N, C-alpha and C. Protein backbone atom coordinates (compact mmCIF):
# COMPACT_ATOMS: atom_id res chain seq x y z
N UNK A 1 -1.20 14.16 -11.57
CA UNK A 1 -0.76 13.59 -11.19
C UNK A 1 0.92 13.75 -10.00
N UNK A 2 1.27 14.05 -10.82
CA UNK A 2 3.21 14.52 -9.89
C UNK A 2 3.42 15.87 -8.78
N UNK A 3 2.39 16.52 -9.46
CA UNK A 3 3.04 16.78 -7.77
C UNK A 3 1.47 17.26 -6.60
N UNK A 4 1.15 16.03 -6.99
CA UNK A 4 0.90 15.20 -5.38
C UNK A 4 1.01 14.31 -4.97
N UNK A 5 1.79 13.57 -6.25
CA UNK A 5 2.81 12.39 -4.96
C UNK A 5 4.35 13.44 -4.73
N UNK A 6 4.58 14.68 -5.23
CA UNK A 6 5.97 15.21 -4.87
C UNK A 6 5.33 16.17 -3.45
N UNK A 7 3.81 16.56 -3.50
CA UNK A 7 3.12 16.93 -1.75
C UNK A 7 3.63 16.07 -1.18
N UNK A 8 2.79 14.97 -1.61
CA UNK A 8 2.57 13.68 -0.89
C UNK A 8 4.05 12.54 0.08
N UNK A 9 5.20 12.53 -1.66
CA UNK A 9 6.44 12.28 -0.71
C UNK A 9 6.64 13.23 0.40
N UNK A 10 7.00 14.84 0.26
CA UNK A 10 6.70 15.81 1.27
C UNK A 10 6.32 16.07 2.91
N UNK A 11 4.51 15.30 2.67
CA UNK A 11 4.12 15.48 3.59
C UNK A 11 4.66 13.85 4.67
N UNK A 12 4.45 13.52 4.07
CA UNK A 12 5.11 11.49 3.99
C UNK A 12 7.16 11.78 5.52
N UNK A 13 7.80 12.49 4.65
CA UNK A 13 8.89 12.47 5.45
C UNK A 13 8.63 13.01 6.57
N UNK A 14 7.69 14.63 7.25
CA UNK A 14 7.99 14.52 8.64
C UNK A 14 7.44 13.85 8.63
N UNK A 15 6.05 12.81 9.86
CA UNK A 15 6.86 12.07 10.87
C UNK A 15 7.69 11.38 11.58
N UNK A 16 7.68 10.91 12.54
CA UNK A 16 9.17 9.45 12.35
C UNK A 16 8.09 7.84 11.85
N UNK A 17 9.16 7.40 11.98
CA UNK A 17 9.07 5.93 11.73
C UNK A 17 8.00 5.70 12.54
N UNK A 18 7.71 5.94 13.68
CA UNK A 18 6.59 5.45 14.61
C UNK A 18 5.18 5.87 14.58
N UNK A 19 5.41 6.49 13.21
CA UNK A 19 4.25 7.63 13.24
C UNK A 19 3.32 7.28 12.00
N UNK A 20 4.21 6.56 11.05
CA UNK A 20 4.11 6.72 9.71
C UNK A 20 3.54 5.12 10.38
N UNK A 21 4.16 4.00 11.17
CA UNK A 21 3.53 2.95 11.35
C UNK A 21 2.07 2.63 11.57
N UNK A 22 1.64 3.54 12.04
CA UNK A 22 0.54 3.34 12.93
C UNK A 22 -0.43 3.75 11.33
N UNK A 23 -0.04 4.68 10.50
CA UNK A 23 -0.83 4.58 9.11
C UNK A 23 -1.43 6.08 9.00
N UNK A 24 -1.44 6.73 7.85
CA UNK A 24 -2.68 8.76 8.08
C UNK A 24 -4.06 8.26 8.05
N UNK A 25 -4.56 8.80 8.37
CA UNK A 25 -5.76 9.54 8.48
C UNK A 25 -6.15 10.79 7.19
N UNK A 26 -6.56 10.26 6.05
CA UNK A 26 -6.54 11.63 4.81
C UNK A 26 -8.28 11.78 4.58
N UNK A 27 -8.04 12.92 4.95
CA UNK A 27 -9.77 13.89 4.90
C UNK A 27 -10.42 15.31 3.22
N UNK A 28 -10.32 14.12 2.86
CA UNK A 28 -11.23 14.65 1.92
C UNK A 28 -12.23 16.09 1.31
N UNK A 29 -12.06 17.02 2.18
CA UNK A 29 -13.37 18.04 1.53
C UNK A 29 -13.49 18.03 0.36
N UNK A 30 -14.73 17.62 0.10
CA UNK A 30 -15.39 17.90 -1.28
C UNK A 30 -16.33 18.23 -1.23
N UNK A 31 -16.51 19.70 -0.40
CA UNK A 31 -17.67 19.85 -0.38
C UNK A 31 -18.19 21.26 -1.77
N UNK A 32 -16.81 21.26 -1.67
CA UNK A 32 -17.09 22.24 -2.90
C UNK A 32 -16.37 21.49 -4.73
N UNK A 33 -15.97 20.90 -4.08
CA UNK A 33 -16.06 20.14 -5.98
C UNK A 33 -17.14 18.88 -6.10
N UNK A 34 -16.69 18.25 -7.80
CA UNK A 34 -17.53 17.16 -7.55
C UNK A 34 -17.15 16.46 -7.40
N UNK A 35 -18.02 15.13 -8.23
CA UNK A 35 -18.05 13.64 -7.05
C UNK A 35 -17.70 12.90 -7.46
N UNK A 36 -16.64 13.42 -9.40
CA UNK A 36 -15.47 13.01 -9.71
C UNK A 36 -14.45 13.71 -9.64
N UNK A 37 -14.36 13.71 -9.16
CA UNK A 37 -12.64 15.61 -9.17
C UNK A 37 -12.49 13.98 -7.53
N UNK A 38 -13.42 13.95 -6.49
CA UNK A 38 -13.69 13.47 -5.35
C UNK A 38 -12.87 11.89 -5.42
N UNK A 39 -13.71 11.61 -6.47
CA UNK A 39 -13.68 10.17 -6.87
C UNK A 39 -12.08 9.69 -6.64
N UNK A 40 -11.69 10.62 -8.09
CA UNK A 40 -9.91 10.83 -8.49
C UNK A 40 -8.99 10.49 -7.24
N UNK A 41 -9.01 12.00 -6.89
CA UNK A 41 -8.01 12.03 -5.38
C UNK A 41 -8.44 10.11 -4.36
N UNK A 42 -9.10 10.47 -4.24
CA UNK A 42 -9.52 8.41 -3.52
C UNK A 42 -8.49 7.74 -4.60
N UNK A 43 -8.68 7.85 -5.08
CA UNK A 43 -7.86 6.93 -6.51
C UNK A 43 -5.97 6.88 -6.49
N UNK A 44 -5.90 8.24 -7.02
CA UNK A 44 -4.47 8.49 -6.82
C UNK A 44 -4.48 8.29 -5.31
N UNK A 45 -4.74 8.84 -4.46
CA UNK A 45 -4.30 8.19 -2.78
C UNK A 45 -4.00 6.72 -2.91
N UNK A 46 -4.46 5.69 -3.41
CA UNK A 46 -3.85 4.47 -3.46
C UNK A 46 -3.09 4.03 -4.75
N UNK A 47 -3.05 5.10 -5.27
CA UNK A 47 -2.31 5.07 -6.05
C UNK A 47 -0.45 4.74 -5.80
N UNK A 48 -0.40 6.23 -5.49
CA UNK A 48 0.88 7.49 -4.97
C UNK A 48 0.87 6.36 -3.65
N UNK A 49 -0.06 6.42 -2.32
CA UNK A 49 0.50 5.92 -0.78
C UNK A 49 -0.14 5.22 -0.68
N UNK A 50 -0.89 3.90 -0.98
CA UNK A 50 -0.97 2.92 -0.69
C UNK A 50 -1.51 2.23 1.02
N UNK A 51 0.38 1.78 0.82
CA UNK A 51 0.48 1.60 2.00
C UNK A 51 0.51 2.27 3.10
N UNK A 52 0.92 3.13 3.36
CA UNK A 52 0.79 3.95 4.65
C UNK A 52 -0.29 4.75 4.83
N UNK A 53 -1.81 4.95 3.47
CA UNK A 53 -2.95 5.19 4.71
C UNK A 53 -3.71 3.51 5.01
N UNK A 54 -4.76 4.36 6.13
CA UNK A 54 -5.27 3.60 7.27
C UNK A 54 -7.08 4.16 6.71
N UNK A 55 -7.27 5.12 6.36
CA UNK A 55 -8.65 5.74 6.44
C UNK A 55 -8.28 6.98 5.70
N UNK A 56 -9.84 7.24 4.62
CA UNK A 56 -9.35 8.85 3.55
C UNK A 56 -11.20 8.45 4.57
N UNK A 57 -11.31 9.82 4.74
CA UNK A 57 -12.56 10.06 4.95
C UNK A 57 -13.37 11.40 3.96
N UNK A 58 -14.17 11.95 3.36
CA UNK A 58 -15.27 12.80 2.35
C UNK A 58 -15.74 12.91 2.98
N UNK A 59 -15.50 14.84 3.24
CA UNK A 59 -16.05 15.56 4.08
C UNK A 59 -18.14 16.10 2.62
N UNK A 60 -18.43 15.32 2.76
CA UNK A 60 -19.36 16.60 1.49
C UNK A 60 -20.63 16.89 2.36
N UNK A 61 -21.48 17.79 2.50
CA UNK A 61 -22.67 18.17 2.73
C UNK A 61 -24.15 16.92 1.83
N UNK A 62 -24.84 16.85 3.55
CA UNK A 62 -26.33 16.29 3.10
C UNK A 62 -26.86 16.21 2.30
N UNK A 63 -27.07 17.33 1.89
CA UNK A 63 -28.02 17.91 0.26
C UNK A 63 -27.14 16.79 -0.87
N UNK A 64 -25.93 16.45 0.08
CA UNK A 64 -25.26 15.64 -1.91
C UNK A 64 -25.53 14.49 -2.49
N UNK A 65 -26.22 13.81 -0.48
CA UNK A 65 -26.68 12.73 -0.52
C UNK A 65 -27.60 12.18 -1.22
N UNK A 66 -28.80 13.75 -1.14
CA UNK A 66 -30.16 13.23 -1.17
C UNK A 66 -29.74 13.90 -2.72
N UNK A 67 -29.51 14.45 -3.27
CA UNK A 67 -29.29 14.67 -4.66
C UNK A 67 -29.01 13.14 -5.70
N UNK A 68 -28.32 12.94 -5.11
CA UNK A 68 -27.03 12.47 -6.27
C UNK A 68 -27.10 10.99 -6.62
N UNK A 69 -26.76 9.88 -7.76
CA UNK A 69 -26.19 8.86 -7.36
C UNK A 69 -25.36 8.72 -8.00
N UNK A 70 -24.09 7.84 -7.26
CA UNK A 70 -23.35 7.57 -8.18
C UNK A 70 -22.99 6.32 -8.42
N UNK A 71 -22.00 5.88 -8.98
CA UNK A 71 -22.41 3.91 -9.66
C UNK A 71 -20.81 3.67 -9.29
N UNK A 72 -19.77 5.04 -7.89
CA UNK A 72 -18.73 4.00 -7.25
C UNK A 72 -18.36 3.98 -5.67
N UNK A 73 -19.30 3.21 -4.93
CA UNK A 73 -18.85 2.51 -4.02
C UNK A 73 -17.35 2.62 -3.82
N UNK A 74 -17.58 3.58 -2.34
CA UNK A 74 -16.22 2.77 -1.99
C UNK A 74 -16.17 1.68 -1.52
N UNK A 75 -17.64 1.25 -0.37
CA UNK A 75 -16.73 0.02 0.07
C UNK A 75 -17.48 -0.90 -0.66
N UNK A 76 -17.15 -1.26 -1.80
CA UNK A 76 -17.17 -2.17 -2.44
C UNK A 76 -15.25 -2.24 -2.86
N UNK A 77 -15.20 -0.73 -3.15
CA UNK A 77 -13.00 -0.62 -2.77
C UNK A 77 -12.39 -1.40 -2.26
N UNK A 78 -12.82 -1.36 -0.23
CA UNK A 78 -12.60 -1.23 0.09
C UNK A 78 -10.92 -1.93 0.18
N UNK A 79 -11.55 -3.84 -0.42
CA UNK A 79 -10.29 -4.82 -0.67
C UNK A 79 -9.01 -4.19 -1.25
N UNK A 80 -9.81 -3.60 -2.95
CA UNK A 80 -8.07 -3.41 -3.86
C UNK A 80 -8.19 -1.38 -3.06
N UNK A 81 -8.40 -1.19 -2.77
CA UNK A 81 -7.92 0.72 -2.66
C UNK A 81 -6.92 0.44 -1.25
N UNK A 82 -7.02 -0.68 0.39
CA UNK A 82 -6.33 -1.53 1.28
C UNK A 82 -6.30 0.27 2.01
N UNK A 83 -7.93 0.89 1.96
CA UNK A 83 -7.39 1.71 3.32
C UNK A 83 -9.31 2.09 3.43
N UNK A 84 -9.97 1.84 4.59
CA UNK A 84 -11.29 2.52 4.16
C UNK A 84 -11.28 3.81 3.38
């Protein structure tokens, strides 16, 4: 968590204030990850930089959705997370 926080702080220091005001889109490449790791990353974003993130896109292979059932639905958490 500390490493992610330090990395995000550094990345957030790069853009101008005008760009930061628009919010950031985060792309999580979960093609080689387990679902619980992807879920953890999204929740960490919510804890570390909730105001700066406006959209999170999770990339998973099509087969994942055919074979897996998850009990964690991001759309149900949209208001709590603070981003789509």
